[in-house]
Amino acid sequence: MSRWLVALILGSLPVLCLGQTAPLTRVQLRDETAKKIAVLNQKYPVLLAQYEKDLQAACVVNCSEPQGQAGLNAASTRITTSMDEVASQMQSEIDNYVVHTVNPKHTDLDRNLVVQDVKQVLAGVADGNPTAFVLDTPNGRALIVAYTLF
């Protein structure tokens, strides 16, 4: 009898946990993405502060000397690479949001809703407003979302 009870409990666990593994709604995913973008955006001041320290360290003696120039070049390369990596992570989060919430094949696709959501996701991070285009191509419909980051 106890074996059947254990089997019944174990067999029903996936059903009981189903509500906890349900996919996020569009609004939930938008809000989660906005949080991730905000966290990523907080990395920029830290990177810039480190860049200032690197510049000061490179110019302790004389910035015009070859050693100082090498230090400046290395610091510039590091900050550019680091900032590009953060921007790439932001773009990946936005791409993930769009891919999981928008299907351009649906005829009722509201590009204005896509713009509104991306604008909310990028609050305080975007330079200007995002835009979206829905194109009818020979291969089907396509969605293009354009935005800029600071």
N, C-alpha and C. Protein backbone atom coordinates (compact mmCIF):
# COMPACT_ATOMS: atom_id res chain seq x y z
N MET A 1 0.82 -1.19 0.00
CA MET A 1 0.00 0.00 0.00
C MET A 1 0.86 1.27 0.00
N SER A 2 1.95 1.26 0.79
CA SER A 2 2.79 2.45 0.86
C SER A 2 3.52 2.70 -0.45
N ARG A 3 3.82 1.63 -1.20
CA ARG A 3 4.47 1.81 -2.50
C ARG A 3 3.54 2.55 -3.46
N TRP A 4 2.26 2.20 -3.42
CA TRP A 4 1.30 2.86 -4.30
C TRP A 4 1.13 4.32 -3.90
N LEU A 5 1.16 4.60 -2.62
CA LEU A 5 1.03 5.97 -2.15
C LEU A 5 2.22 6.80 -2.60
N VAL A 6 3.42 6.24 -2.48
CA VAL A 6 4.63 6.93 -2.92
C VAL A 6 4.57 7.14 -4.43
N ALA A 7 4.16 6.13 -5.18
CA ALA A 7 4.06 6.24 -6.63
C ALA A 7 3.02 7.28 -7.02
N LEU A 8 1.91 7.33 -6.30
CA LEU A 8 0.88 8.33 -6.58
C LEU A 8 1.38 9.74 -6.32
N ILE A 9 2.09 9.92 -5.22
CA ILE A 9 2.64 11.24 -4.89
C ILE A 9 3.68 11.66 -5.92
N LEU A 10 4.61 10.77 -6.23
CA LEU A 10 5.65 11.09 -7.21
C LEU A 10 5.06 11.33 -8.59
N GLY A 11 4.04 10.55 -8.93
CA GLY A 11 3.40 10.71 -10.24
C GLY A 11 2.64 12.01 -10.36
N SER A 12 2.16 12.55 -9.25
CA SER A 12 1.37 13.78 -9.31
C SER A 12 2.21 15.04 -9.14
N LEU A 13 3.48 14.90 -8.79
CA LEU A 13 4.33 16.09 -8.61
C LEU A 13 4.42 16.97 -9.85
N PRO A 14 4.62 16.40 -11.05
CA PRO A 14 4.68 17.28 -12.22
C PRO A 14 3.39 18.07 -12.42
N VAL A 15 2.26 17.47 -12.14
CA VAL A 15 0.98 18.16 -12.29
C VAL A 15 0.84 19.25 -11.25
N LEU A 16 1.25 18.96 -10.01
CA LEU A 16 1.15 19.95 -8.94
C LEU A 16 2.09 21.13 -9.18
N CYS A 17 3.22 20.89 -9.80
CA CYS A 17 4.20 21.95 -10.03
C CYS A 17 3.96 22.69 -11.34
N LEU A 18 2.99 22.28 -12.12
CA LEU A 18 2.76 22.87 -13.42
C LEU A 18 2.50 24.37 -13.33
N GLY A 19 1.75 24.81 -12.35
CA GLY A 19 1.46 26.23 -12.21
C GLY A 19 2.69 27.05 -11.91
N GLN A 20 3.69 26.44 -11.32
CA GLN A 20 4.91 27.17 -10.97
C GLN A 20 5.85 27.28 -12.16
N THR A 21 5.66 26.47 -13.18
CA THR A 21 6.57 26.50 -14.33
C THR A 21 5.91 27.11 -15.56
N ALA A 22 4.77 27.73 -15.38
CA ALA A 22 4.08 28.34 -16.51
C ALA A 22 4.92 29.47 -17.08
N PRO A 23 4.88 29.66 -18.39
CA PRO A 23 5.65 30.74 -18.99
C PRO A 23 5.15 32.10 -18.51
N LEU A 24 6.06 33.06 -18.52
CA LEU A 24 5.71 34.41 -18.10
C LEU A 24 4.79 35.06 -19.13
N THR A 25 3.91 35.92 -18.66
CA THR A 25 3.07 36.69 -19.57
C THR A 25 3.92 37.77 -20.22
N ARG A 26 3.37 38.42 -21.23
CA ARG A 26 4.08 39.50 -21.91
C ARG A 26 4.47 40.60 -20.92
N VAL A 27 3.55 40.97 -20.06
CA VAL A 27 3.81 42.05 -19.09
C VAL A 27 4.87 41.61 -18.08
N GLN A 28 4.78 40.37 -17.60
CA GLN A 28 5.78 39.88 -16.66
C GLN A 28 7.17 39.83 -17.31
N LEU A 29 7.23 39.34 -18.54
CA LEU A 29 8.51 39.27 -19.24
C LEU A 29 9.05 40.67 -19.51
N ARG A 30 8.16 41.60 -19.87
CA ARG A 30 8.59 42.99 -20.09
C ARG A 30 9.18 43.57 -18.81
N ASP A 31 8.50 43.37 -17.69
CA ASP A 31 8.98 43.91 -16.42
C ASP A 31 10.28 43.26 -15.98
N GLU A 32 10.41 41.95 -16.17
CA GLU A 32 11.65 41.25 -15.84
C GLU A 32 12.80 41.76 -16.72
N THR A 33 12.52 41.96 -17.99
CA THR A 33 13.54 42.47 -18.91
C THR A 33 13.96 43.88 -18.52
N ALA A 34 13.00 44.71 -18.14
CA ALA A 34 13.31 46.08 -17.71
C ALA A 34 14.21 46.06 -16.49
N LYS A 35 13.97 45.15 -15.56
CA LYS A 35 14.82 45.04 -14.37
C LYS A 35 16.24 44.64 -14.76
N LYS A 36 16.35 43.68 -15.67
CA LYS A 36 17.68 43.24 -16.12
C LYS A 36 18.43 44.37 -16.81
N ILE A 37 17.72 45.14 -17.63
CA ILE A 37 18.34 46.27 -18.32
C ILE A 37 18.81 47.31 -17.31
N ALA A 38 17.99 47.58 -16.30
CA ALA A 38 18.37 48.55 -15.26
C ALA A 38 19.62 48.10 -14.52
N VAL A 39 19.71 46.81 -14.22
CA VAL A 39 20.90 46.29 -13.54
C VAL A 39 22.12 46.42 -14.43
N LEU A 40 21.97 46.08 -15.69
CA LEU A 40 23.09 46.22 -16.63
C LEU A 40 23.51 47.67 -16.76
N ASN A 41 22.55 48.57 -16.79
CA ASN A 41 22.85 50.00 -16.93
C ASN A 41 23.65 50.52 -15.74
N GLN A 42 23.47 49.92 -14.58
CA GLN A 42 24.21 50.34 -13.39
C GLN A 42 25.69 49.97 -13.47
N LYS A 43 26.05 49.15 -14.42
CA LYS A 43 27.47 48.79 -14.60
C LYS A 43 28.27 49.94 -15.21
N TYR A 44 27.62 50.80 -15.98
CA TYR A 44 28.34 51.87 -16.66
C TYR A 44 29.07 52.81 -15.71
N PRO A 45 28.43 53.34 -14.67
CA PRO A 45 29.17 54.23 -13.76
C PRO A 45 30.38 53.55 -13.12
N VAL A 46 30.25 52.26 -12.80
CA VAL A 46 31.37 51.52 -12.21
C VAL A 46 32.51 51.42 -13.22
N LEU A 47 32.17 51.11 -14.46
CA LEU A 47 33.18 51.01 -15.51
C LEU A 47 33.87 52.35 -15.75
N LEU A 48 33.09 53.42 -15.77
CA LEU A 48 33.66 54.74 -15.99
C LEU A 48 34.55 55.18 -14.83
N ALA A 49 34.18 54.85 -13.62
CA ALA A 49 35.01 55.18 -12.45
C ALA A 49 36.35 54.44 -12.54
N GLN A 50 36.30 53.18 -12.95
CA GLN A 50 37.54 52.43 -13.11
C GLN A 50 38.39 53.01 -14.24
N TYR A 51 37.74 53.47 -15.29
CA TYR A 51 38.45 54.08 -16.41
C TYR A 51 39.19 55.34 -15.95
N GLU A 52 38.53 56.15 -15.13
CA GLU A 52 39.18 57.35 -14.60
C GLU A 52 40.42 56.98 -13.81
N LYS A 53 40.30 55.95 -12.96
CA LYS A 53 41.45 55.51 -12.17
C LYS A 53 42.57 55.02 -13.08
N ASP A 54 42.22 54.29 -14.13
CA ASP A 54 43.22 53.81 -15.07
C ASP A 54 43.93 54.97 -15.78
N LEU A 55 43.16 55.99 -16.15
CA LEU A 55 43.76 57.16 -16.81
C LEU A 55 44.70 57.89 -15.86
N GLN A 56 44.27 58.04 -14.64
CA GLN A 56 45.13 58.72 -13.66
C GLN A 56 46.40 57.92 -13.41
N ALA A 57 46.29 56.61 -13.34
CA ALA A 57 47.46 55.76 -13.13
C ALA A 57 48.40 55.83 -14.33
N ALA A 58 47.84 55.91 -15.52
CA ALA A 58 48.68 55.97 -16.73
C ALA A 58 49.42 57.30 -16.83
N CYS A 59 48.86 58.34 -16.25
CA CYS A 59 49.45 59.67 -16.37
C CYS A 59 50.12 60.15 -15.09
N VAL A 60 50.51 59.21 -14.24
CA VAL A 60 51.16 59.60 -12.99
C VAL A 60 52.44 60.36 -13.28
N VAL A 61 53.20 59.90 -14.22
CA VAL A 61 54.47 60.55 -14.54
C VAL A 61 54.27 61.58 -15.65
N ASN A 62 53.98 61.11 -16.85
CA ASN A 62 53.83 62.02 -17.99
C ASN A 62 53.06 61.27 -19.08
N CYS A 63 51.92 61.81 -19.43
CA CYS A 63 51.07 61.14 -20.43
C CYS A 63 51.67 61.16 -21.83
N SER A 64 52.60 62.05 -22.08
CA SER A 64 53.16 62.14 -23.43
C SER A 64 54.31 61.15 -23.64
N GLU A 65 54.80 60.55 -22.58
CA GLU A 65 55.85 59.54 -22.69
C GLU A 65 55.27 58.26 -23.30
N PRO A 66 56.07 57.46 -23.97
CA PRO A 66 55.59 56.21 -24.57
C PRO A 66 54.91 55.28 -23.55
N GLN A 67 55.45 55.22 -22.36
CA GLN A 67 54.85 54.36 -21.34
C GLN A 67 53.47 54.89 -20.95
N GLY A 68 53.34 56.20 -20.82
CA GLY A 68 52.04 56.80 -20.51
C GLY A 68 51.05 56.59 -21.64
N GLN A 69 51.50 56.73 -22.87
CA GLN A 69 50.65 56.51 -24.04
C GLN A 69 50.16 55.06 -24.10
N ALA A 70 51.05 54.14 -23.78
CA ALA A 70 50.67 52.72 -23.77
C ALA A 70 49.60 52.47 -22.71
N GLY A 71 49.76 53.09 -21.56
CA GLY A 71 48.77 52.94 -20.49
C GLY A 71 47.43 53.54 -20.88
N LEU A 72 47.46 54.70 -21.55
CA LEU A 72 46.22 55.32 -22.02
C LEU A 72 45.52 54.45 -23.06
N ASN A 73 46.30 53.92 -23.99
CA ASN A 73 45.72 53.05 -25.02
C ASN A 73 45.12 51.79 -24.41
N ALA A 74 45.81 51.20 -23.46
CA ALA A 74 45.29 49.99 -22.81
C ALA A 74 44.00 50.30 -22.05
N ALA A 75 43.97 51.43 -21.35
CA ALA A 75 42.76 51.82 -20.60
C ALA A 75 41.60 52.08 -21.55
N SER A 76 41.87 52.73 -22.67
CA SER A 76 40.82 53.01 -23.65
C SER A 76 40.27 51.72 -24.26
N THR A 77 41.15 50.78 -24.54
CA THR A 77 40.72 49.50 -25.08
C THR A 77 39.86 48.75 -24.07
N ARG A 78 40.27 48.76 -22.81
CA ARG A 78 39.51 48.06 -21.76
C ARG A 78 38.11 48.66 -21.58
N ILE A 79 38.02 49.99 -21.53
CA ILE A 79 36.71 50.62 -21.31
C ILE A 79 35.80 50.39 -22.51
N THR A 80 36.34 50.47 -23.71
CA THR A 80 35.53 50.25 -24.91
C THR A 80 35.00 48.82 -24.94
N THR A 81 35.88 47.87 -24.67
CA THR A 81 35.48 46.47 -24.66
C THR A 81 34.42 46.21 -23.58
N SER A 82 34.64 46.74 -22.40
CA SER A 82 33.70 46.53 -21.28
C SER A 82 32.34 47.14 -21.57
N MET A 83 32.33 48.35 -22.10
CA MET A 83 31.06 49.02 -22.39
C MET A 83 30.34 48.34 -23.54
N ASP A 84 31.08 47.87 -24.53
CA ASP A 84 30.48 47.13 -25.63
C ASP A 84 29.85 45.83 -25.14
N GLU A 85 30.50 45.19 -24.17
CA GLU A 85 29.97 43.94 -23.63
C GLU A 85 28.64 44.19 -22.90
N VAL A 86 28.57 45.26 -22.13
CA VAL A 86 27.33 45.59 -21.42
C VAL A 86 26.23 45.91 -22.43
N ALA A 87 26.56 46.69 -23.45
CA ALA A 87 25.56 47.01 -24.48
C ALA A 87 25.09 45.75 -25.20
N SER A 88 26.00 44.84 -25.46
CA SER A 88 25.64 43.58 -26.10
C SER A 88 24.71 42.75 -25.22
N GLN A 89 24.96 42.74 -23.92
CA GLN A 89 24.07 42.04 -23.00
C GLN A 89 22.69 42.67 -22.99
N MET A 90 22.63 44.00 -23.05
CA MET A 90 21.34 44.68 -23.11
C MET A 90 20.59 44.30 -24.38
N GLN A 91 21.29 44.33 -25.50
CA GLN A 91 20.67 43.96 -26.77
C GLN A 91 20.16 42.52 -26.73
N SER A 92 20.92 41.64 -26.12
CA SER A 92 20.50 40.25 -26.01
C SER A 92 19.22 40.12 -25.18
N GLU A 93 19.12 40.88 -24.11
CA GLU A 93 17.90 40.85 -23.28
C GLU A 93 16.70 41.37 -24.06
N ILE A 94 16.90 42.44 -24.81
CA ILE A 94 15.80 43.01 -25.60
C ILE A 94 15.40 42.04 -26.71
N ASP A 95 16.38 41.46 -27.38
CA ASP A 95 16.08 40.47 -28.41
C ASP A 95 15.28 39.31 -27.83
N ASN A 96 15.70 38.83 -26.67
CA ASN A 96 15.00 37.73 -26.02
C ASN A 96 13.55 38.12 -25.72
N TYR A 97 13.35 39.33 -25.24
CA TYR A 97 11.99 39.79 -24.94
C TYR A 97 11.14 39.79 -26.22
N VAL A 98 11.66 40.40 -27.29
CA VAL A 98 10.89 40.51 -28.54
C VAL A 98 10.60 39.13 -29.11
N VAL A 99 11.59 38.26 -29.13
CA VAL A 99 11.41 36.92 -29.70
C VAL A 99 10.35 36.14 -28.93
N HIS A 100 10.28 36.31 -27.62
CA HIS A 100 9.35 35.54 -26.81
C HIS A 100 7.97 36.17 -26.67
N THR A 101 7.81 37.39 -27.15
CA THR A 101 6.50 38.03 -26.97
C THR A 101 5.83 38.45 -28.27
N VAL A 102 6.54 38.43 -29.36
CA VAL A 102 5.99 38.93 -30.62
C VAL A 102 6.09 37.86 -31.70
N ASN A 103 5.01 37.70 -32.43
CA ASN A 103 5.02 36.80 -33.58
C ASN A 103 4.58 37.62 -34.80
N PRO A 104 5.52 37.98 -35.66
CA PRO A 104 5.17 38.84 -36.80
C PRO A 104 4.20 38.18 -37.78
N LYS A 105 4.01 36.88 -37.69
CA LYS A 105 3.10 36.19 -38.61
C LYS A 105 1.64 36.44 -38.25
N HIS A 106 1.40 36.85 -37.01
CA HIS A 106 0.02 37.15 -36.62
C HIS A 106 -0.42 38.44 -37.28
N THR A 107 -1.58 38.40 -37.91
CA THR A 107 -2.07 39.59 -38.61
C THR A 107 -2.49 40.70 -37.66
N ASP A 108 -2.73 40.35 -36.40
CA ASP A 108 -3.15 41.37 -35.43
C ASP A 108 -1.97 41.97 -34.67
N LEU A 109 -0.75 41.78 -35.17
CA LEU A 109 0.43 42.33 -34.52
C LEU A 109 0.32 43.85 -34.41
N ASP A 110 0.44 44.36 -33.21
CA ASP A 110 0.36 45.79 -32.96
C ASP A 110 1.77 46.33 -32.76
N ARG A 111 2.32 46.91 -33.82
CA ARG A 111 3.69 47.42 -33.74
C ARG A 111 3.81 48.53 -32.72
N ASN A 112 2.73 49.29 -32.49
CA ASN A 112 2.75 50.35 -31.49
C ASN A 112 2.90 49.78 -30.08
N LEU A 113 2.31 48.63 -29.83
CA LEU A 113 2.47 47.96 -28.54
C LEU A 113 3.91 47.50 -28.36
N VAL A 114 4.51 47.01 -29.43
CA VAL A 114 5.92 46.60 -29.38
C VAL A 114 6.78 47.81 -29.04
N VAL A 115 6.54 48.94 -29.69
CA VAL A 115 7.30 50.16 -29.43
C VAL A 115 7.11 50.59 -27.98
N GLN A 116 5.88 50.57 -27.52
CA GLN A 116 5.57 50.98 -26.14
C GLN A 116 6.31 50.09 -25.14
N ASP A 117 6.29 48.78 -25.36
CA ASP A 117 6.96 47.86 -24.45
C ASP A 117 8.47 48.05 -24.47
N VAL A 118 9.06 48.18 -25.65
CA VAL A 118 10.51 48.37 -25.74
C VAL A 118 10.90 49.70 -25.10
N LYS A 119 10.08 50.71 -25.28
CA LYS A 119 10.34 52.01 -24.65
C LYS A 119 10.34 51.86 -23.13
N GLN A 120 9.40 51.09 -22.60
CA GLN A 120 9.33 50.88 -21.16
C GLN A 120 10.52 50.05 -20.67
N VAL A 121 10.91 49.05 -21.44
CA VAL A 121 12.06 48.22 -21.07
C VAL A 121 13.33 49.07 -21.03
N LEU A 122 13.44 50.02 -21.95
CA LEU A 122 14.65 50.83 -22.07
C LEU A 122 14.56 52.16 -21.32
N ALA A 123 13.61 52.30 -20.43
CA ALA A 123 13.43 53.56 -19.71
C ALA A 123 14.75 54.00 -19.07
N GLY A 124 15.19 55.20 -19.41
CA GLY A 124 16.42 55.75 -18.85
C GLY A 124 17.69 55.26 -19.50
N VAL A 125 17.57 54.37 -20.47
CA VAL A 125 18.76 53.80 -21.11
C VAL A 125 18.83 54.18 -22.58
N ALA A 126 17.67 54.38 -23.19
CA ALA A 126 17.62 54.64 -24.63
C ALA A 126 17.91 56.10 -24.93
N ASP A 127 18.46 56.31 -26.09
CA ASP A 127 18.67 57.66 -26.62
C ASP A 127 17.63 57.84 -27.71
N GLY A 128 16.51 58.47 -27.38
CA GLY A 128 15.42 58.62 -28.33
C GLY A 128 14.41 57.50 -28.14
N ASN A 129 13.41 57.50 -28.99
CA ASN A 129 12.34 56.51 -28.90
C ASN A 129 12.60 55.35 -29.85
N PRO A 130 12.23 54.16 -29.44
CA PRO A 130 12.35 53.02 -30.36
C PRO A 130 11.28 53.11 -31.44
N THR A 131 11.45 52.34 -32.46
CA THR A 131 10.46 52.26 -33.52
C THR A 131 10.37 50.82 -34.00
N ALA A 132 9.26 50.49 -34.62
CA ALA A 132 9.09 49.12 -35.12
C ALA A 132 8.40 49.19 -36.48
N PHE A 133 8.79 48.28 -37.36
CA PHE A 133 8.21 48.19 -38.69
C PHE A 133 7.77 46.75 -38.92
N VAL A 134 6.62 46.59 -39.52
CA VAL A 134 6.15 45.27 -39.92
C VAL A 134 6.18 45.24 -41.44
N LEU A 135 6.91 44.29 -41.99
CA LEU A 135 7.08 44.20 -43.43
C LEU A 135 6.43 42.94 -43.97
N ASP A 136 5.76 43.07 -45.09
CA ASP A 136 5.25 41.90 -45.80
C ASP A 136 6.25 41.58 -46.90
N THR A 137 6.87 40.42 -46.78
CA THR A 137 7.88 40.01 -47.75
C THR A 137 7.40 38.76 -48.47
N PRO A 138 8.03 38.39 -49.55
CA PRO A 138 7.64 37.15 -50.23
C PRO A 138 7.76 35.91 -49.34
N ASN A 139 8.64 35.98 -48.34
CA ASN A 139 8.83 34.84 -47.43
C ASN A 139 7.93 34.93 -46.20
N GLY A 140 7.09 35.94 -46.11
CA GLY A 140 6.22 36.11 -44.94
C GLY A 140 6.44 37.47 -44.31
N ARG A 141 5.76 37.66 -43.20
CA ARG A 141 5.88 38.94 -42.49
C ARG A 141 7.15 38.96 -41.65
N ALA A 142 7.67 40.16 -41.47
CA ALA A 142 8.88 40.34 -40.67
C ALA A 142 8.69 41.57 -39.79
N LEU A 143 9.33 41.54 -38.63
CA LEU A 143 9.29 42.66 -37.70
C LEU A 143 10.70 43.19 -37.52
N ILE A 144 10.84 44.50 -37.66
CA ILE A 144 12.11 45.16 -37.42
C ILE A 144 11.89 46.13 -36.26
N VAL A 145 12.70 45.98 -35.21
CA VAL A 145 12.64 46.88 -34.06
C VAL A 145 13.97 47.61 -34.00
N ALA A 146 13.90 48.94 -33.96
CA ALA A 146 15.12 49.76 -33.92
C ALA A 146 15.09 50.64 -32.67
N TYR A 147 16.23 50.72 -32.02
CA TYR A 147 16.39 51.56 -30.83
C TYR A 147 17.86 51.89 -30.69
N THR A 148 18.15 52.89 -29.90
CA THR A 148 19.54 53.25 -29.63
C THR A 148 19.76 53.26 -28.13
N LEU A 149 20.96 52.89 -27.74
CA LEU A 149 21.36 52.94 -26.35
C LEU A 149 22.31 54.12 -26.17
N PHE A 150 22.40 54.61 -24.96
CA PHE A 150 23.34 55.71 -24.69
C PHE A 150 24.73 55.26 -24.99
